[in-house]
Amino acid sequence: MSATWADIQRLAADFQRIQLAEGSKKLSENNCVELISMLIKSKTIDILFTTDGKEYVTRNHLLTEVKNECIGR
């Protein structure tokens, strides 16, 4: 299945709206994984996976973490 840009925008908007909503309406882990997978395949985001493959960060976040460690924060 090939996702269109409109599909990705719709999923991102749904994700943001649901995550900000109060109560029990939250995206499941499977839906979050699907959303991230679509964004990676469309090259919308650039993700680095951890060595165990269970977590991931953006290059910018990794750079920030490295800088913070270097300055002792």
Protein backbone atom coordinates (compact mmCIF):
# COMPACT_ATOMS: atom_id res chain seq x y z
CA MET A 1 0.00 0.00 0.00
CA SER A 2 1.42 3.35 -1.02
CA ALA A 3 0.49 6.28 1.19
CA THR A 4 -0.17 9.63 -0.38
CA TRP A 5 0.91 12.90 1.18
CA ALA A 6 -2.75 13.59 1.99
CA ASP A 7 -2.94 10.26 3.88
CA ILE A 8 0.13 11.17 5.91
CA GLN A 9 -1.19 14.64 6.70
CA ARG A 10 -4.54 13.16 7.76
CA LEU A 11 -2.83 10.62 10.03
CA ALA A 12 -0.58 13.27 11.56
CA ALA A 13 -3.56 15.56 12.22
CA ASP A 14 -5.53 12.65 13.73
CA PHE A 15 -2.54 11.72 15.87
CA GLN A 16 -2.12 15.23 17.23
CA ARG A 17 -5.84 15.73 17.87
CA ILE A 18 -6.27 12.40 19.64
CA GLN A 19 -3.12 12.66 21.74
CA LEU A 20 -4.18 16.11 22.95
CA ALA A 21 -7.73 14.96 23.75
CA GLU A 22 -8.60 14.14 27.32
CA GLY A 23 -10.00 10.83 28.36
CA SER A 24 -9.40 7.37 27.01
CA LYS A 25 -9.06 8.29 23.32
CA LYS A 26 -5.45 7.52 22.52
CA LEU A 27 -3.74 5.92 19.54
CA SER A 28 -2.71 2.34 20.03
CA GLU A 29 0.92 1.34 19.82
CA ASN A 30 0.20 -0.37 16.48
CA ASN A 31 -1.28 2.84 15.06
CA CYS A 32 1.74 4.85 16.23
CA VAL A 33 4.10 2.33 14.62
CA GLU A 34 2.09 2.48 11.38
CA LEU A 35 2.19 6.28 11.39
CA ILE A 36 5.94 6.40 11.98
CA SER A 37 6.49 3.74 9.29
CA MET A 38 4.53 5.78 6.75
CA LEU A 39 6.50 8.93 7.59
CA ILE A 40 9.80 7.05 7.23
CA LYS A 41 8.81 5.48 3.90
CA SER A 42 7.75 8.85 2.52
CA LYS A 43 11.06 10.32 3.77
CA THR A 44 9.13 12.95 5.71
CA ILE A 45 11.21 12.26 8.81
CA ASP A 46 14.75 10.97 9.25
CA ILE A 47 14.93 8.46 12.08
CA LEU A 48 17.87 6.70 13.74
CA PHE A 49 17.09 3.40 15.44
CA THR A 50 18.72 2.21 18.64
CA THR A 51 20.92 -0.87 18.48
CA ASP A 52 18.10 -3.08 19.74
CA GLY A 53 15.69 -1.57 17.19
CA LYS A 54 13.00 -0.89 19.81
CA GLU A 55 13.40 2.87 20.00
CA TYR A 56 14.30 5.65 17.63
CA VAL A 57 15.21 9.33 17.66
CA THR A 58 15.60 12.06 15.10
CA ARG A 59 19.09 13.22 14.15
CA ASN A 60 18.36 16.61 15.76
CA HIS A 61 17.32 15.00 19.04
CA LEU A 62 20.43 12.81 19.09
CA LEU A 63 22.64 15.83 18.41
CA THR A 64 20.96 17.71 21.28
CA GLU A 65 21.51 14.77 23.64
CA VAL A 66 25.18 14.51 22.68
CA LYS A 67 25.70 18.27 23.16
CA ASN A 68 23.99 18.16 26.57
CA GLU A 69 26.20 15.27 27.68
CA CYS A 70 29.32 17.10 26.51
CA ILE A 71 28.48 20.21 28.53
CA GLY A 72 27.49 18.16 31.56
CA ARG A 73 23.76 18.82 31.69
